[in-house]
Amino acid sequence: MKGLTPLFLGLIGTFFFSWAGLALIPNVQIGHLDPQSDEEGTDIYPMPKSGMAERGRQVYAANGCVYCHTQQVRADYAASDIDRKWGERRSAPRDYLFERPAFLGKMRMGPDLANIGKRAPSEDANAPQPAPGGTGAQPANAAPGASPALAAGTGASSPAAGAPPAGAAAASSPAGSPAPAAPAGPQAGPASPASTNAAMTAASSADATLGPNGAPIPYSAAWHHQHLFSPRSVNMDSIMPAYRFLYAKRKVEGQYAADALKLTGAEAPPQGYE
């Protein structure tokens, strides 16, 4: 019996010092950080997240994305994250200042998602430019690629200006996205240069998020939506579950929605649906 007291005291002391070293002392050192800025008080980092980003965080947490993805760039001596262009520097405590909880992640069964919005290709670069001597009609610039969590949370996809022609394969559309109005009927007579240029711009910008092979540009908004709907259509070896419940199949009214997913084969919905 005399040996039990030192045993229990040793166990309690071990747990206390472990907790102090891993939780208490780090919280005292970095638990009350503030955003940093330059001498003029501008260029503040980090900035509070927007409401849309917070909605994405909620969906990200609710669907267990944190169990397979990390959001932390490790140092050079520990990994090759920086060489993979996952970040320009290792992650620091200040990066997670406005995150409650911070989604550091448990394991990397899928790719790391730190800075995913920044390293996604800009869809603006793929938008067509007006022809020389034209009317100056500007192409509709698509938004930069969003993270899967943000895309799932908002239910919105890349806002391409044009829509697929009638008779094209129907595709699944993110839930909650409004159907565009029916196109105006054809006009009699030859088309004017202004209308021709605008029509070519709209038709080209519909494919601004597609690569040479007709597939969405990797990490673009359209790519993220297709990946969420059918992961193995993007990567045959993916073990990510399909999040099809985030999308809705509906009947096409007037014309196909510009943000409908471009699905083919067995995954395409019946004719007349998207």
C-alpha atoms as a PDB file:
ATOM      1  CA  MET A   1       0.000   0.000   0.000  1.00  0.00           C
ATOM      2  CA  LYS A   2       2.884   2.357   0.676  1.00  0.00           C
ATOM      3  CA  GLY A   3       3.919   2.170  -2.980  1.00  0.00           C
ATOM      4  CA  LEU A   4       0.498   3.243  -4.325  1.00  0.00           C
ATOM      5  CA  THR A   5       0.784   6.879  -3.179  1.00  0.00           C
ATOM      6  CA  PRO A   6       4.042   7.584  -5.057  1.00  0.00           C
ATOM      7  CA  LEU A   7       2.607   5.738  -8.074  1.00  0.00           C
ATOM      8  CA  PHE A   8      -0.544   7.887  -8.237  1.00  0.00           C
ATOM      9  CA  LEU A   9       1.436  11.070  -7.572  1.00  0.00           C
ATOM     10  CA  GLY A  10       3.828  10.131 -10.364  1.00  0.00           C
ATOM     11  CA  LEU A  11       0.960   9.493 -12.792  1.00  0.00           C
ATOM     12  CA  ILE A  12      -0.756  12.765 -11.897  1.00  0.00           C
ATOM     13  CA  GLY A  13       2.516  14.664 -12.179  1.00  0.00           C
ATOM     14  CA  THR A  14       3.226  13.101 -15.581  1.00  0.00           C
ATOM     15  CA  PHE A  15      -0.167  14.143 -16.955  1.00  0.00           C
ATOM     16  CA  PHE A  16       0.106  17.627 -15.455  1.00  0.00           C
ATOM     17  CA  PHE A  17       3.540  18.368 -16.907  1.00  0.00           C
ATOM     18  CA  SER A  18       2.470  16.957 -20.281  1.00  0.00           C
ATOM     19  CA  TRP A  19      -0.624  19.182 -20.292  1.00  0.00           C
ATOM     20  CA  ALA A  20       1.406  22.199 -19.207  1.00  0.00           C
ATOM     21  CA  GLY A  21       4.008  21.663 -21.909  1.00  0.00           C
ATOM     22  CA  LEU A  22       1.573  20.938 -24.722  1.00  0.00           C
ATOM     23  CA  ALA A  23      -1.339  23.249 -23.855  1.00  0.00           C
ATOM     24  CA  LEU A  24      -0.760  25.724 -21.038  1.00  0.00           C
ATOM     25  CA  ILE A  25       2.654  27.149 -21.941  1.00  0.00           C
ATOM     26  CA  PRO A  26       1.937  27.457 -25.715  1.00  0.00           C
ATOM     27  CA  ASN A  27      -1.339  29.222 -24.911  1.00  0.00           C
ATOM     28  CA  VAL A  28       0.515  31.721 -22.709  1.00  0.00           C
ATOM     29  CA  GLN A  29       3.089  32.312 -25.440  1.00  0.00           C
ATOM     30  CA  ILE A  30       0.905  32.594 -28.536  1.00  0.00           C
ATOM     31  CA  GLY A  31      -2.675  32.359 -27.281  1.00  0.00           C
ATOM     32  CA  HIS A  32      -3.360  36.092 -27.526  1.00  0.00           C
ATOM     33  CA  LEU A  33      -1.895  37.037 -30.887  1.00  0.00           C
ATOM     34  CA  ASP A  34      -3.290  40.009 -32.802  1.00  0.00           C
ATOM     35  CA  PRO A  35      -3.352  40.613 -36.566  1.00  0.00           C
ATOM     36  CA  GLN A  36      -0.185  42.234 -37.850  1.00  0.00           C
ATOM     37  CA  SER A  37       0.030  45.229 -40.164  1.00  0.00           C
ATOM     38  CA  ASP A  38       2.588  47.587 -41.687  1.00  0.00           C
ATOM     39  CA  GLU A  39       3.677  50.920 -40.215  1.00  0.00           C
ATOM     40  CA  GLU A  40       0.706  52.742 -41.754  1.00  0.00           C
ATOM     41  CA  GLY A  41      -1.735  50.319 -40.190  1.00  0.00           C
ATOM     42  CA  THR A  42      -2.715  48.856 -43.556  1.00  0.00           C
ATOM     43  CA  ASP A  43      -2.108  45.493 -45.188  1.00  0.00           C
ATOM     44  CA  ILE A  44      -3.575  43.726 -42.162  1.00  0.00           C
ATOM     45  CA  TYR A  45      -2.994  39.981 -41.868  1.00  0.00           C
ATOM     46  CA  PRO A  46      -4.960  37.910 -41.282  1.00  0.00           C
ATOM     47  CA  MET A  47      -8.337  39.431 -42.057  1.00  0.00           C
ATOM     48  CA  PRO A  48     -11.568  38.049 -40.566  1.00  0.00           C
ATOM     49  CA  LYS A  49     -13.312  35.522 -42.777  1.00  0.00           C
ATOM     50  CA  SER A  50     -16.380  36.489 -44.768  1.00  0.00           C
ATOM     51  CA  GLY A  51     -19.805  35.012 -44.146  1.00  0.00           C
ATOM     52  CA  MET A  52     -19.533  32.839 -47.256  1.00  0.00           C
ATOM     53  CA  ALA A  53     -16.237  31.419 -46.045  1.00  0.00           C
ATOM     54  CA  GLU A  54     -17.801  30.685 -42.655  1.00  0.00           C
ATOM     55  CA  ARG A  55     -20.624  28.799 -44.366  1.00  0.00           C
ATOM     56  CA  GLY A  56     -18.010  26.794 -46.222  1.00  0.00           C
ATOM     57  CA  ARG A  57     -16.219  26.019 -42.972  1.00  0.00           C
ATOM     58  CA  GLN A  58     -19.441  24.680 -41.487  1.00  0.00           C
ATOM     59  CA  VAL A  59     -20.024  22.386 -44.455  1.00  0.00           C
ATOM     60  CA  TYR A  60     -16.365  21.344 -44.391  1.00  0.00           C
ATOM     61  CA  ALA A  61     -16.668  20.335 -40.745  1.00  0.00           C
ATOM     62  CA  ALA A  62     -20.115  18.726 -41.043  1.00  0.00           C
ATOM     63  CA  ASN A  63     -18.990  16.417 -43.850  1.00  0.00           C
ATOM     64  CA  GLY A  64     -15.802  15.265 -42.153  1.00  0.00           C
ATOM     65  CA  CYS A  65     -13.382  16.734 -44.691  1.00  0.00           C
ATOM     66  CA  VAL A  66     -10.912  17.370 -41.876  1.00  0.00           C
ATOM     67  CA  TYR A  67     -10.406  13.624 -41.427  1.00  0.00           C
ATOM     68  CA  CYS A  68      -8.709  13.241 -44.828  1.00  0.00           C
ATOM     69  CA  HIS A  69      -7.305  16.719 -45.580  1.00  0.00           C
ATOM     70  CA  THR A  70      -4.852  18.933 -43.762  1.00  0.00           C
ATOM     71  CA  GLN A  71      -4.494  22.693 -43.919  1.00  0.00           C
ATOM     72  CA  GLN A  72      -0.924  23.244 -42.834  1.00  0.00           C
ATOM     73  CA  VAL A  73       2.285  23.732 -44.803  1.00  0.00           C
ATOM     74  CA  ARG A  74       5.115  21.901 -43.133  1.00  0.00           C
ATOM     75  CA  ALA A  75       8.680  23.156 -42.949  1.00  0.00           C
ATOM     76  CA  ASP A  76      11.318  22.165 -45.508  1.00  0.00           C
ATOM     77  CA  TYR A  77      13.124  19.907 -43.066  1.00  0.00           C
ATOM     78  CA  ALA A  78       9.935  17.949 -42.372  1.00  0.00           C
ATOM     79  CA  ALA A  79       8.288  17.635 -45.793  1.00  0.00           C
ATOM     80  CA  SER A  80       8.263  18.866 -49.392  1.00  0.00           C
ATOM     81  CA  ASP A  81       5.082  20.943 -49.077  1.00  0.00           C
ATOM     82  CA  ILE A  82       6.751  24.157 -50.259  1.00  0.00           C
ATOM     83  CA  ASP A  83       8.345  22.375 -53.236  1.00  0.00           C
ATOM     84  CA  ARG A  84       4.846  21.182 -54.166  1.00  0.00           C
ATOM     85  CA  LYS A  85       3.735  24.844 -54.219  1.00  0.00           C
ATOM     86  CA  TRP A  86       1.282  24.293 -51.364  1.00  0.00           C
ATOM     87  CA  GLY A  87       2.595  27.499 -49.830  1.00  0.00           C
ATOM     88  CA  GLU A  88       5.460  29.966 -49.979  1.00  0.00           C
ATOM     89  CA  ARG A  89       6.379  29.398 -46.317  1.00  0.00           C
ATOM     90  CA  ARG A  90       5.555  27.064 -43.463  1.00  0.00           C
ATOM     91  CA  SER A  91       2.313  27.608 -41.582  1.00  0.00           C
ATOM     92  CA  ALA A  92       2.449  29.776 -38.449  1.00  0.00           C
ATOM     93  CA  PRO A  93       0.068  30.172 -35.479  1.00  0.00           C
ATOM     94  CA  ARG A  94      -1.087  33.580 -36.724  1.00  0.00           C
ATOM     95  CA  ASP A  95      -2.483  31.970 -39.890  1.00  0.00           C
ATOM     96  CA  TYR A  96      -5.280  30.407 -37.823  1.00  0.00           C
ATOM     97  CA  LEU A  97      -6.095  33.487 -35.768  1.00  0.00           C
ATOM     98  CA  PHE A  98      -9.775  33.684 -36.752  1.00  0.00           C
ATOM     99  CA  GLU A  99     -10.406  29.953 -37.057  1.00  0.00           C
ATOM    100  CA  ARG A 100     -12.450  28.278 -34.345  1.00  0.00           C
ATOM    101  CA  PRO A 101     -11.608  25.454 -34.472  1.00  0.00           C
ATOM    102  CA  ALA A 102      -8.484  25.465 -36.605  1.00  0.00           C
ATOM    103  CA  PHE A 103      -8.718  22.760 -39.266  1.00  0.00           C
ATOM    104  CA  LEU A 104      -5.120  21.575 -39.115  1.00  0.00           C
ATOM    105  CA  GLY A 105      -6.289  18.132 -40.182  1.00  0.00           C
ATOM    106  CA  LYS A 106      -5.668  14.633 -38.898  1.00  0.00           C
ATOM    107  CA  MET A 107      -4.004  12.912 -41.872  1.00  0.00           C
ATOM    108  CA  ARG A 108      -3.310  13.416 -45.555  1.00  0.00           C
ATOM    109  CA  MET A 109      -5.363  10.754 -47.265  1.00  0.00           C
ATOM    110  CA  GLY A 110      -6.191  13.529 -49.723  1.00  0.00           C
ATOM    111  CA  PRO A 111      -4.075  16.531 -50.773  1.00  0.00           C
ATOM    112  CA  ASP A 112      -3.388  19.386 -48.403  1.00  0.00           C
ATOM    113  CA  LEU A 113      -5.849  22.274 -48.807  1.00  0.00           C
ATOM    114  CA  ALA A 114      -3.778  25.108 -47.350  1.00  0.00           C
ATOM    115  CA  ASN A 115      -3.884  28.137 -49.672  1.00  0.00           C
ATOM    116  CA  ILE A 116      -6.030  26.156 -52.112  1.00  0.00           C
ATOM    117  CA  GLY A 117      -7.791  29.297 -53.326  1.00  0.00           C
ATOM    118  CA  LYS A 118      -4.542  31.090 -54.096  1.00  0.00           C
ATOM    119  CA  ARG A 119      -2.846  28.242 -55.896  1.00  0.00           C
ATOM    120  CA  ALA A 120      -5.890  27.486 -58.042  1.00  0.00           C
ATOM    121  CA  PRO A 121      -5.513  28.724 -61.635  1.00  0.00           C
ATOM    122  CA  SER A 122      -7.282  31.962 -62.402  1.00  0.00           C
ATOM    123  CA  GLU A 123     -10.160  31.384 -64.781  1.00  0.00           C
ATOM    124  CA  ASP A 124      -9.829  34.999 -65.931  1.00  0.00           C
ATOM    125  CA  ALA A 125      -6.723  33.975 -67.859  1.00  0.00           C
ATOM    126  CA  ASN A 126      -8.817  31.598 -69.957  1.00  0.00           C
ATOM    127  CA  ALA A 127     -11.538  34.112 -70.769  1.00  0.00           C
ATOM    128  CA  PRO A 128     -11.492  35.304 -74.395  1.00  0.00           C
ATOM    129  CA  GLN A 129     -10.333  38.768 -75.293  1.00  0.00           C
ATOM    130  CA  PRO A 130     -12.305  41.054 -77.648  1.00  0.00           C
ATOM    131  CA  ALA A 131     -11.189  40.958 -81.249  1.00  0.00           C
ATOM    132  CA  PRO A 132      -9.046  43.854 -82.489  1.00  0.00           C
ATOM    133  CA  GLY A 133     -11.206  46.574 -83.971  1.00  0.00           C
ATOM    134  CA  GLY A 134     -14.315  45.154 -82.317  1.00  0.00           C
ATOM    135  CA  THR A 135     -16.970  46.941 -80.365  1.00  0.00           C
ATOM    136  CA  GLY A 136     -15.086  46.564 -77.118  1.00  0.00           C
ATOM    137  CA  ALA A 137     -17.506  44.048 -75.633  1.00  0.00           C
ATOM    138  CA  GLN A 138     -15.818  42.667 -72.566  1.00  0.00           C
ATOM    139  CA  PRO A 139     -15.907  38.942 -71.734  1.00  0.00           C
ATOM    140  CA  ALA A 140     -17.528  37.836 -68.543  1.00  0.00           C
ATOM    141  CA  ASN A 141     -14.740  37.002 -66.148  1.00  0.00           C
ATOM    142  CA  ALA A 142     -15.281  33.871 -64.152  1.00  0.00           C
ATOM    143  CA  ALA A 143     -14.508  33.896 -60.462  1.00  0.00           C
ATOM    144  CA  PRO A 144     -11.256  32.294 -59.272  1.00  0.00           C
ATOM    145  CA  GLY A 145     -11.474  28.674 -58.166  1.00  0.00           C
ATOM    146  CA  ALA A 146     -12.904  28.195 -54.701  1.00  0.00           C
ATOM    147  CA  SER A 147     -12.054  25.574 -52.136  1.00  0.00           C
ATOM    148  CA  PRO A 148     -14.224  22.460 -52.007  1.00  0.00           C
ATOM    149  CA  ALA A 149     -15.578  23.554 -48.660  1.00  0.00           C
ATOM    150  CA  LEU A 150     -16.542  26.974 -49.960  1.00  0.00           C
ATOM    151  CA  ALA A 151     -18.027  25.566 -53.133  1.00  0.00           C
ATOM    152  CA  ALA A 152     -20.077  23.069 -51.184  1.00  0.00           C
ATOM    153  CA  GLY A 153     -21.144  25.622 -48.640  1.00  0.00           C
ATOM    154  CA  THR A 154     -22.406  28.214 -51.085  1.00  0.00           C
ATOM    155  CA  GLY A 155     -23.886  25.862 -53.631  1.00  0.00           C
ATOM    156  CA  ALA A 156     -22.589  28.139 -56.377  1.00  0.00           C
ATOM    157  CA  SER A 157     -20.289  27.314 -59.202  1.00  0.00           C
ATOM    158  CA  SER A 158     -18.281  29.204 -61.739  1.00  0.00           C
ATOM    159  CA  PRO A 159     -20.520  31.841 -63.351  1.00  0.00           C
ATOM    160  CA  ALA A 160     -19.768  31.335 -67.008  1.00  0.00           C
ATOM    161  CA  ALA A 161     -21.440  33.833 -69.263  1.00  0.00           C
ATOM    162  CA  GLY A 162     -22.788  31.434 -71.884  1.00  0.00           C
ATOM    163  CA  ALA A 163     -24.769  28.219 -71.723  1.00  0.00           C
ATOM    164  CA  PRO A 164     -24.349  24.943 -73.622  1.00  0.00           C
ATOM    165  CA  PRO A 165     -26.412  24.747 -76.802  1.00  0.00           C
ATOM    166  CA  ALA A 166     -29.735  22.982 -76.756  1.00  0.00           C
ATOM    167  CA  GLY A 167     -29.338  19.255 -77.218  1.00  0.00           C
ATOM    168  CA  ALA A 168     -26.045  19.085 -75.354  1.00  0.00           C
ATOM    169  CA  ALA A 169     -25.622  16.522 -72.610  1.00  0.00           C
ATOM    170  CA  ALA A 170     -27.533  17.529 -69.517  1.00  0.00           C
ATOM    171  CA  ALA A 171     -25.582  18.076 -66.309  1.00  0.00           C
ATOM    172  CA  SER A 172     -26.246  18.275 -62.620  1.00  0.00           C
ATOM    173  CA  SER A 173     -26.589  21.792 -61.238  1.00  0.00           C
ATOM    174  CA  PRO A 174     -25.630  22.933 -57.715  1.00  0.00           C
ATOM    175  CA  ALA A 175     -28.647  23.129 -55.459  1.00  0.00           C
ATOM    176  CA  GLY A 176     -30.114  26.556 -55.097  1.00  0.00           C
ATOM    177  CA  SER A 177     -28.647  28.129 -58.230  1.00  0.00           C
ATOM    178  CA  PRO A 178     -31.328  30.044 -60.154  1.00  0.00           C
ATOM    179  CA  ALA A 179     -32.240  29.017 -63.671  1.00  0.00           C
ATOM    180  CA  PRO A 180     -31.381  31.644 -66.271  1.00  0.00           C
ATOM    181  CA  ALA A 181     -34.065  33.221 -68.398  1.00  0.00           C
ATOM    182  CA  ALA A 182     -34.920  31.705 -71.769  1.00  0.00           C
ATOM    183  CA  PRO A 183     -32.868  33.075 -74.635  1.00  0.00           C
ATOM    184  CA  ALA A 184     -34.381  35.600 -76.961  1.00  0.00           C
ATOM    185  CA  GLY A 185     -35.558  34.360 -80.354  1.00  0.00           C
ATOM    186  CA  PRO A 186     -33.467  34.794 -83.496  1.00  0.00           C
ATOM    187  CA  GLN A 187     -33.578  38.148 -85.192  1.00  0.00           C
ATOM    188  CA  ALA A 188     -34.208  38.615 -88.852  1.00  0.00           C
ATOM    189  CA  GLY A 189     -31.572  39.932 -91.151  1.00  0.00           C
ATOM    190  CA  PRO A 190     -27.776  39.744 -91.026  1.00  0.00           C
ATOM    191  CA  ALA A 191     -26.126  40.051 -87.659  1.00  0.00           C
ATOM    192  CA  SER A 192     -24.336  43.273 -86.866  1.00  0.00           C
ATOM    193  CA  PRO A 193     -20.621  43.240 -85.929  1.00  0.00           C
ATOM    194  CA  ALA A 194     -21.540  44.183 -82.376  1.00  0.00           C
ATOM    195  CA  SER A 195     -23.971  41.307 -81.909  1.00  0.00           C
ATOM    196  CA  THR A 196     -21.617  38.861 -83.606  1.00  0.00           C
ATOM    197  CA  ASN A 197     -18.720  39.866 -81.358  1.00  0.00           C
ATOM    198  CA  ALA A 198     -20.885  39.635 -78.230  1.00  0.00           C
ATOM    199  CA  ALA A 199     -22.217  36.225 -79.281  1.00  0.00           C
ATOM    200  CA  MET A 200     -18.718  34.877 -79.899  1.00  0.00           C
ATOM    201  CA  THR A 201     -17.556  36.254 -76.544  1.00  0.00           C
ATOM    202  CA  ALA A 202     -20.443  34.652 -74.675  1.00  0.00           C
ATOM    203  CA  ALA A 203     -20.011  31.308 -76.425  1.00  0.00           C
ATOM    204  CA  SER A 204     -16.264  31.253 -75.801  1.00  0.00           C
ATOM    205  CA  SER A 205     -16.526  32.259 -72.150  1.00  0.00           C
ATOM    206  CA  ALA A 206     -18.850  29.310 -71.549  1.00  0.00           C
ATOM    207  CA  ASP A 207     -15.788  27.101 -72.058  1.00  0.00           C
ATOM    208  CA  ALA A 208     -13.392  29.380 -70.161  1.00  0.00           C
ATOM    209  CA  THR A 209     -13.157  26.843 -67.343  1.00  0.00           C
ATOM    210  CA  LEU A 210     -12.500  23.882 -69.660  1.00  0.00           C
ATOM    211  CA  GLY A 211      -9.106  22.627 -70.713  1.00  0.00           C
ATOM    212  CA  PRO A 212      -8.001  21.463 -74.174  1.00  0.00           C
ATOM    213  CA  ASN A 213      -9.459  17.998 -73.606  1.00  0.00           C
ATOM    214  CA  GLY A 214     -12.876  19.377 -72.619  1.00  0.00           C
ATOM    215  CA  ALA A 215     -12.381  18.590 -68.917  1.00  0.00           C
ATOM    216  CA  PRO A 216     -12.502  21.335 -66.258  1.00  0.00           C
ATOM    217  CA  ILE A 217      -9.224  23.054 -65.488  1.00  0.00           C
ATOM    218  CA  PRO A 218      -7.760  21.446 -62.327  1.00  0.00           C
ATOM    219  CA  TYR A 219      -8.679  23.301 -59.134  1.00  0.00           C
ATOM    220  CA  SER A 220     -11.071  25.641 -60.946  1.00  0.00           C
ATOM    221  CA  ALA A 221     -14.569  26.102 -59.540  1.00  0.00           C
ATOM    222  CA  ALA A 222     -16.022  23.785 -62.199  1.00  0.00           C
ATOM    223  CA  TRP A 223     -13.382  21.164 -61.363  1.00  0.00           C
ATOM    224  CA  HIS A 224     -14.185  21.337 -57.653  1.00  0.00           C
ATOM    225  CA  HIS A 225     -17.898  20.839 -58.307  1.00  0.00           C
ATOM    226  CA  GLN A 226     -17.288  17.847 -60.553  1.00  0.00           C
ATOM    227  CA  HIS A 227     -14.861  16.448 -57.990  1.00  0.00           C
ATOM    228  CA  LEU A 228     -17.431  16.802 -55.218  1.00  0.00           C
ATOM    229  CA  PHE A 229     -20.176  15.220 -57.326  1.00  0.00           C
ATOM    230  CA  SER A 230     -18.086  12.359 -58.719  1.00  0.00           C
ATOM    231  CA  PRO A 231     -14.514  12.140 -57.372  1.00  0.00           C
ATOM    232  CA  ARG A 232     -13.555   9.164 -59.511  1.00  0.00           C
ATOM    233  CA  SER A 233     -14.516  10.973 -62.713  1.00  0.00           C
ATOM    234  CA  VAL A 234     -11.603  13.309 -61.915  1.00  0.00           C
ATOM    235  CA  ASN A 235      -9.208  10.790 -60.356  1.00  0.00           C
ATOM    236  CA  MET A 236      -9.806   7.082 -60.846  1.00  0.00           C
ATOM    237  CA  ASP A 237      -7.781   6.261 -57.712  1.00  0.00           C
ATOM    238  CA  SER A 238      -9.660   8.675 -55.435  1.00  0.00           C
ATOM    239  CA  ILE A 239     -11.053   7.261 -52.188  1.00  0.00           C
ATOM    240  CA  MET A 240     -13.095  10.390 -51.483  1.00  0.00           C
ATOM    241  CA  PRO A 241     -16.838   9.775 -51.068  1.00  0.00           C
ATOM    242  CA  ALA A 242     -19.221  11.428 -53.522  1.00  0.00           C
ATOM    243  CA  TYR A 243     -21.144  14.395 -52.123  1.00  0.00           C
ATOM    244  CA  ARG A 244     -24.047  14.230 -54.572  1.00  0.00           C
ATOM    245  CA  PHE A 245     -26.547  15.282 -51.928  1.00  0.00           C
ATOM    246  CA  LEU A 246     -25.107  18.800 -52.204  1.00  0.00           C
ATOM    247  CA  TYR A 247     -26.526  19.036 -55.735  1.00  0.00           C
ATOM    248  CA  ALA A 248     -30.002  18.870 -57.251  1.00  0.00           C
ATOM    249  CA  LYS A 249     -31.263  17.410 -60.530  1.00  0.00           C
ATOM    250  CA  ARG A 250     -33.948  19.525 -62.146  1.00  0.00           C
ATOM    251  CA  LYS A 251     -35.824  19.836 -65.402  1.00  0.00           C
ATOM    252  CA  VAL A 252     -34.421  22.272 -67.921  1.00  0.00           C
ATOM    253  CA  GLU A 253     -36.685  25.225 -68.547  1.00  0.00           C
ATOM    254  CA  GLY A 254     -35.753  27.388 -71.514  1.00  0.00           C
ATOM    255  CA  GLN A 255     -32.031  26.695 -71.723  1.00  0.00           C
ATOM    256  CA  TYR A 256     -29.367  24.849 -69.796  1.00  0.00           C
ATOM    257  CA  ALA A 257     -27.911  26.692 -66.815  1.00  0.00           C
ATOM    258  CA  ALA A 258     -24.441  28.127 -67.333  1.00  0.00           C
ATOM    259  CA  ASP A 259     -23.204  26.581 -64.082  1.00  0.00           C
ATOM    260  CA  ALA A 260     -24.599  23.088 -64.694  1.00  0.00           C
ATOM    261  CA  LEU A 261     -22.018  20.332 -64.361  1.00  0.00           C
ATOM    262  CA  LYS A 262     -20.749  18.938 -67.659  1.00  0.00           C
ATOM    263  CA  LEU A 263     -21.229  15.218 -67.005  1.00  0.00           C
ATOM    264  CA  THR A 264     -21.201  12.503 -69.646  1.00  0.00           C
ATOM    265  CA  GLY A 265     -21.832   8.790 -69.851  1.00  0.00           C
ATOM    266  CA  ALA A 266     -23.700   6.985 -67.105  1.00  0.00           C
ATOM    267  CA  GLU A 267     -23.404   9.956 -64.745  1.00  0.00           C
ATOM    268  CA  ALA A 268     -25.286  12.355 -67.036  1.00  0.00           C
ATOM    269  CA  PRO A 269     -28.925  12.907 -66.024  1.00  0.00           C
ATOM    270  CA  PRO A 270     -31.766  11.999 -68.428  1.00  0.00           C
ATOM    271  CA  GLN A 271     -32.396  14.115 -71.495  1.00  0.00           C
ATOM    272  CA  GLY A 272     -34.114  17.352 -70.560  1.00  0.00           C
ATOM    273  CA  TYR A 273     -32.654  17.463 -67.035  1.00  0.00           C
ATOM    274  CA  GLU A 274     -29.553  19.090 -65.596  1.00  0.00           C
END
